[in-house]
Protein backbone atom coordinates (compact mmCIF):
# COMPACT_ATOMS: atom_id res chain seq x y z
CA UNK A 1 180.20 61.25 -34.85
CA UNK A 2 176.76 61.92 -36.04
CA UNK A 3 177.98 62.41 -39.96
CA UNK A 4 178.95 58.44 -39.63
CA UNK A 5 175.48 57.42 -38.23
CA UNK A 6 173.75 59.27 -41.13
CA UNK A 7 176.30 57.50 -43.57
CA UNK A 8 175.29 54.17 -41.81
CA UNK A 9 171.69 55.04 -41.73
CA UNK A 10 171.71 56.39 -45.68
CA UNK A 11 173.85 53.16 -46.77
CA UNK A 12 171.55 50.57 -44.83
CA UNK A 13 168.35 51.74 -45.06
CA UNK A 14 166.16 48.83 -45.72
CA UNK A 15 167.58 46.83 -42.83
CA UNK A 16 167.00 49.82 -40.35
CA UNK A 17 163.54 50.62 -41.59
CA UNK A 18 162.06 46.79 -42.11
CA UNK A 19 162.12 45.66 -38.33
CA UNK A 20 161.02 49.19 -37.43
CA UNK A 21 158.29 48.84 -39.70
CA UNK A 22 157.04 45.38 -38.83
CA UNK A 23 157.01 46.26 -35.13
CA UNK A 24 154.48 49.50 -35.86
CA UNK A 25 152.58 47.07 -37.97
CA UNK A 26 152.10 44.54 -35.46
CA UNK A 27 151.83 46.55 -32.41
CA UNK A 28 148.78 48.98 -34.61
CA UNK A 29 147.04 45.94 -36.00
CA UNK A 30 146.86 44.46 -32.48
CA UNK A 31 145.85 47.69 -30.67
CA UNK A 32 143.11 47.87 -33.69
CA UNK A 33 141.77 44.73 -32.79
CA UNK A 34 141.41 45.33 -29.41
CA UNK A 35 139.76 48.84 -29.74
CA UNK A 36 137.50 48.45 -32.92
CA UNK A 37 134.22 46.15 -32.50
CA UNK A 38 133.51 45.46 -35.70
CA UNK A 39 131.88 41.93 -36.32
CA UNK A 40 131.05 40.69 -39.76
CA UNK A 41 127.78 38.38 -39.33
CA UNK A 42 127.95 35.26 -41.35
CA UNK A 43 125.81 35.15 -44.13
CA UNK A 44 125.58 32.35 -46.62
CA UNK A 45 126.94 32.65 -50.45
CA UNK A 46 124.69 34.13 -53.17
CA UNK A 47 125.27 30.99 -54.95
CA UNK A 48 124.07 28.74 -51.68
CA UNK A 49 120.92 31.07 -51.82
CA UNK A 50 120.09 30.36 -55.15
CA UNK A 51 120.53 26.70 -54.71
CA UNK A 52 118.09 26.68 -51.79
CA UNK A 53 115.61 29.01 -53.82
CA UNK A 54 115.72 26.87 -56.78
CA UNK A 55 115.45 23.69 -54.74
CA UNK A 56 112.43 25.08 -52.85
CA UNK A 57 110.59 25.93 -55.74
CA UNK A 58 107.19 23.85 -56.14
CA UNK A 59 107.83 23.14 -60.15
CA UNK A 60 110.96 21.25 -59.02
CA UNK A 61 109.58 19.49 -55.94
CA UNK A 62 108.06 15.99 -58.53
CA UNK A 63 109.77 14.76 -61.31
CA UNK A 64 106.24 14.42 -63.20
CA UNK A 65 105.12 18.05 -63.34
CA UNK A 66 107.53 18.89 -66.18
CA UNK A 67 106.82 21.99 -68.47
CA UNK A 68 107.52 21.11 -72.34
CA UNK A 69 110.33 22.84 -73.43
CA UNK A 70 109.15 25.26 -75.84
CA UNK A 71 110.54 28.58 -77.38
CA UNK A 72 107.53 31.26 -77.13
CA UNK A 73 108.97 34.16 -78.98
CA UNK A 74 109.88 35.16 -82.40
CA UNK A 75 113.24 35.85 -82.61
CA UNK A 76 112.87 37.26 -86.31
CA UNK A 77 109.95 39.35 -85.31
CA UNK A 78 111.06 41.17 -82.63
CA UNK A 79 113.72 43.82 -84.13
CA UNK A 80 111.23 44.28 -87.20
CA UNK A 81 111.26 47.44 -89.31
CA UNK A 82 107.75 49.10 -89.82
CA UNK A 83 108.19 48.72 -93.74
CA UNK A 84 108.16 45.02 -93.63
CA UNK A 85 105.71 44.47 -90.24
CA UNK A 86 102.81 44.14 -93.51
């Protein structure tokens, strides 16, 4: 009788193990929720924090105080070799 049961379990292993695994997973998930006291507080996303910071800057408060856009660095002079610098 035992070899017949083993043969049945071998042939239908996915059908036997899937409900068993689902029950064990369900019990473990709920047990972990009951026993653990982990709480993750809400934090604003980095994008929201950046938007708020940009809106709170003094330069952006009035549209009249806009600096003129001017490129201040010379691209060709940044990595100039010593022989070409003079």
